């Protein structure tokens, strides 16, 4: 069976960027889906399910992250991550 692959770009919109609490929210959400999630900030690749790797992205407000999901839940995972990052902004204020 062919693996479902989806790719998108999401923008960090909360004022404080991807500090430890939002990074943990992102990892927790990503871990709920049956797919591999890779995140890239233009320089560094990170496993979307690893808090250590996600925190190394140092994504500030305005950073665009390239996200690639591969597996049965790929589309659902990207939709949920976009909702968390761009719409809910991790429950934090905008700049």
Protein backbone atom coordinates (compact mmCIF):
# COMPACT_ATOMS: atom_id res chain seq x y z
CA UNK A 1 0.00 0.00 0.00
CA UNK A 2 1.29 3.43 -0.93
CA UNK A 3 2.07 5.82 1.91
CA UNK A 4 0.06 9.02 1.98
CA UNK A 5 2.37 12.05 1.89
CA UNK A 6 1.21 15.62 2.52
CA UNK A 7 3.25 18.81 2.75
CA UNK A 8 2.40 22.33 3.85
CA UNK A 9 3.90 25.50 5.25
CA UNK A 10 2.65 26.97 8.52
CA UNK A 11 3.59 30.29 10.08
CA UNK A 12 4.31 30.88 13.76
CA UNK A 13 1.94 33.73 14.71
CA UNK A 14 2.07 33.94 18.52
CA UNK A 15 4.25 36.70 19.96
CA UNK A 16 6.67 34.45 21.86
CA UNK A 17 7.24 31.98 19.03
CA UNK A 18 7.91 28.28 19.45
CA UNK A 19 9.26 28.31 23.01
CA UNK A 20 9.09 25.19 25.18
CA UNK A 21 5.36 25.19 26.05
CA UNK A 22 4.09 25.58 22.45
CA UNK A 23 6.74 23.15 21.22
CA UNK A 24 5.40 20.58 23.71
CA UNK A 25 1.82 21.23 22.55
CA UNK A 26 2.89 20.67 18.95
CA UNK A 27 4.75 17.44 19.82
CA UNK A 28 1.81 16.16 21.91
CA UNK A 29 -0.61 16.81 19.05
CA UNK A 30 1.69 15.37 16.38
CA UNK A 31 2.17 12.21 18.46
CA UNK A 32 -1.56 11.43 18.31
CA UNK A 33 -1.41 10.71 14.57
CA UNK A 34 -0.33 7.55 12.76
CA UNK A 35 2.27 9.19 10.53
CA UNK A 36 5.81 10.49 10.55
CA UNK A 37 6.05 14.28 10.81
CA UNK A 38 9.13 16.20 9.70
CA UNK A 39 9.48 19.94 10.32
CA UNK A 40 12.04 22.26 8.71
CA UNK A 41 12.68 25.96 9.42
CA UNK A 42 14.71 26.50 6.25
CA UNK A 43 17.96 25.40 7.88
CA UNK A 44 17.25 22.56 10.31
CA UNK A 45 15.22 19.36 10.02
CA UNK A 46 13.36 18.13 13.09
CA UNK A 47 11.14 15.20 14.02
CA UNK A 48 7.72 16.72 14.80
CA UNK A 49 7.27 14.14 17.57
CA UNK A 50 10.54 14.98 19.39
CA UNK A 51 10.51 17.84 21.92
CA UNK A 52 14.31 18.10 21.84
CA UNK A 53 14.43 18.42 18.06
CA UNK A 54 11.46 20.81 17.87
CA UNK A 55 12.97 23.13 20.49
CA UNK A 56 16.15 23.35 18.39
CA UNK A 57 14.23 25.02 15.55
CA UNK A 58 14.21 28.32 17.49
CA UNK A 59 11.15 29.46 15.52
CA UNK A 60 10.20 33.03 16.41
CA UNK A 61 7.03 34.91 15.48
CA UNK A 62 6.84 35.09 11.68
CA UNK A 63 8.94 31.97 11.08
CA UNK A 64 7.53 29.78 8.34
CA UNK A 65 7.85 26.05 9.00
CA UNK A 66 7.76 23.49 6.22
CA UNK A 67 5.89 20.44 7.48
CA UNK A 68 5.83 17.02 5.81
CA UNK A 69 3.65 14.18 7.05
CA UNK A 70 3.88 10.61 5.76
CA UNK A 71 1.44 7.88 6.75
CA UNK A 72 -2.29 7.07 6.98
CA UNK A 73 -3.14 10.16 9.10
CA UNK A 74 -0.96 12.62 7.13
CA UNK A 75 -3.77 14.91 5.98
CA UNK A 76 -5.55 14.96 9.34
CA UNK A 77 -2.27 15.63 11.15
CA UNK A 78 -1.40 18.65 9.00
CA UNK A 79 -4.92 20.08 9.37
CA UNK A 80 -4.71 19.75 13.17
CA UNK A 81 -1.20 21.25 13.35
CA UNK A 82 -2.24 24.22 11.18
CA UNK A 83 -5.23 24.81 13.49
CA UNK A 84 -2.99 24.73 16.60
CA UNK A 85 -0.24 26.96 15.19
CA UNK A 86 -2.03 29.50 12.97
CA UNK A 87 -5.57 29.69 14.39
CA UNK A 88 -5.26 28.91 18.11
CA UNK A 89 -1.67 30.26 18.24
CA UNK A 90 -0.98 27.78 21.07
CA UNK A 91 -3.50 29.70 23.21
CA UNK A 92 -1.11 32.68 23.33
CA UNK A 93 -1.52 36.32 22.29
CA UNK A 94 -0.50 37.63 18.87
CA UNK A 95 2.30 40.23 18.66
